[in-house]
Structures are given as structure tokens and as C-alpha cells.
Amino acid sequence: MHYSLAVENFAKAIIAIYQVPTWSHDPSNQLMGIINQLPGEVRELVIELARMSMN
């Protein structure tokens, strides 16, 4: 339970840098939507975060 909440909050913090996060508890689609805006060196890490945040 705490793990999934931490992953969700971290994902939404990254999303918030680029756009307003949705209320969804699964931010993976929104993370993947901003992937091209991210610096190249963090894209793989964010893709892994998106996988972790899928419900």
C-alpha cells in the first residue's frame, strides 16, 4: 500500500513539472505522454517508473 502511494506521488511530481497531473491513481499514461519532453538521460528511468505505477 505505502509502496504504491509513494510511486504514484513520485510520478505525479515529475508530471507536475510539465503539466497538471490528473486525479487518476495510475499516472503511467500521463508519464508516457511527456516522455519526449524529458532529458534523454532520465527517459529510461521514467519509463520504468511508469511501469511501476501501472495498476
C-alpha atoms as a PDB file:
ATOM      1  CA  MET A   1       0.000   0.000   0.000  1.00  0.00           C
ATOM      2  CA  HIS A   2       2.632   2.548   1.011  1.00  0.00           C
ATOM      3  CA  TYR A   3       4.856   1.495  -1.892  1.00  0.00           C
ATOM      4  CA  SER A   4       2.177   2.170  -4.487  1.00  0.00           C
ATOM      5  CA  LEU A   5       1.299   5.538  -2.952  1.00  0.00           C
ATOM      6  CA  ALA A   6       4.967   6.565  -2.951  1.00  0.00           C
ATOM      7  CA  VAL A   7       5.342   5.548  -6.612  1.00  0.00           C
ATOM      8  CA  GLU A   8       2.154   7.412  -7.554  1.00  0.00           C
ATOM      9  CA  ASN A   9       3.251  10.570  -5.743  1.00  0.00           C
ATOM     10  CA  PHE A  10       6.726  10.484  -7.277  1.00  0.00           C
ATOM     11  CA  ALA A  11       5.275  10.010 -10.752  1.00  0.00           C
ATOM     12  CA  LYS A  12       2.877  12.903 -10.237  1.00  0.00           C
ATOM     13  CA  ALA A  13       5.710  15.120  -9.002  1.00  0.00           C
ATOM     14  CA  ILE A  14       7.576  14.526 -12.260  1.00  0.00           C
ATOM     15  CA  ILE A  15       4.423  15.125 -14.299  1.00  0.00           C
ATOM     16  CA  ALA A  16       3.768  18.380 -12.408  1.00  0.00           C
ATOM     17  CA  ILE A  17       6.989  19.850 -13.793  1.00  0.00           C
ATOM     18  CA  TYR A  18       5.492  19.665 -17.304  1.00  0.00           C
ATOM     19  CA  GLN A  19       1.700  19.739 -16.841  1.00  0.00           C
ATOM     20  CA  VAL A  20      -1.084  19.420 -14.282  1.00  0.00           C
ATOM     21  CA  PRO A  21      -1.331  15.810 -13.052  1.00  0.00           C
ATOM     22  CA  THR A  22      -4.690  14.081 -13.402  1.00  0.00           C
ATOM     23  CA  TRP A  23      -6.618  12.642 -10.473  1.00  0.00           C
ATOM     24  CA  SER A  24      -6.036   9.117 -11.735  1.00  0.00           C
ATOM     25  CA  HIS A  25      -4.293   6.660  -9.418  1.00  0.00           C
ATOM     26  CA  ASP A  26      -2.450   5.306 -12.477  1.00  0.00           C
ATOM     27  CA  PRO A  27      -0.246   8.094 -13.850  1.00  0.00           C
ATOM     28  CA  SER A  28       1.573   5.801 -16.307  1.00  0.00           C
ATOM     29  CA  ASN A  29      -0.236   7.099 -19.418  1.00  0.00           C
ATOM     30  CA  GLN A  30       0.417  10.691 -18.469  1.00  0.00           C
ATOM     31  CA  LEU A  31       4.085   9.914 -17.777  1.00  0.00           C
ATOM     32  CA  MET A  32       4.438   8.310 -21.188  1.00  0.00           C
ATOM     33  CA  GLY A  33       2.749  11.358 -22.697  1.00  0.00           C
ATOM     34  CA  ILE A  34       5.551  13.642 -21.510  1.00  0.00           C
ATOM     35  CA  ILE A  35       8.434  11.245 -22.199  1.00  0.00           C
ATOM     36  CA  ASN A  36       9.662  13.213 -25.240  1.00  0.00           C
ATOM     37  CA  GLN A  37       9.884  16.397 -23.161  1.00  0.00           C
ATOM     38  CA  LEU A  38      12.268  14.777 -20.677  1.00  0.00           C
ATOM     39  CA  PRO A  39      16.051  14.929 -20.907  1.00  0.00           C
ATOM     40  CA  GLY A  40      17.399  11.834 -22.659  1.00  0.00           C
ATOM     41  CA  GLU A  41      19.372  10.612 -19.652  1.00  0.00           C
ATOM     42  CA  VAL A  42      16.238  10.179 -17.497  1.00  0.00           C
ATOM     43  CA  ARG A  43      13.813   8.752 -20.052  1.00  0.00           C
ATOM     44  CA  GLU A  44      14.565   5.102 -19.290  1.00  0.00           C
ATOM     45  CA  LEU A  45      14.145   5.756 -15.567  1.00  0.00           C
ATOM     46  CA  VAL A  46      10.779   7.439 -16.142  1.00  0.00           C
ATOM     47  CA  ILE A  47       9.653   4.565 -18.365  1.00  0.00           C
ATOM     48  CA  GLU A  48      10.471   2.195 -15.511  1.00  0.00           C
ATOM     49  CA  LEU A  49       8.548   4.457 -13.116  1.00  0.00           C
ATOM     50  CA  ALA A  50       5.576   4.345 -15.493  1.00  0.00           C
ATOM     51  CA  ARG A  51       5.720   0.529 -15.435  1.00  0.00           C
ATOM     52  CA  MET A  52       5.842   0.558 -11.645  1.00  0.00           C
ATOM     53  CA  SER A  53       2.855   2.902 -11.418  1.00  0.00           C
ATOM     54  CA  MET A  54       0.510   0.810 -13.576  1.00  0.00           C
ATOM     55  CA  ASN A  55      -2.433  -0.536 -11.589  1.00  0.00           C
END
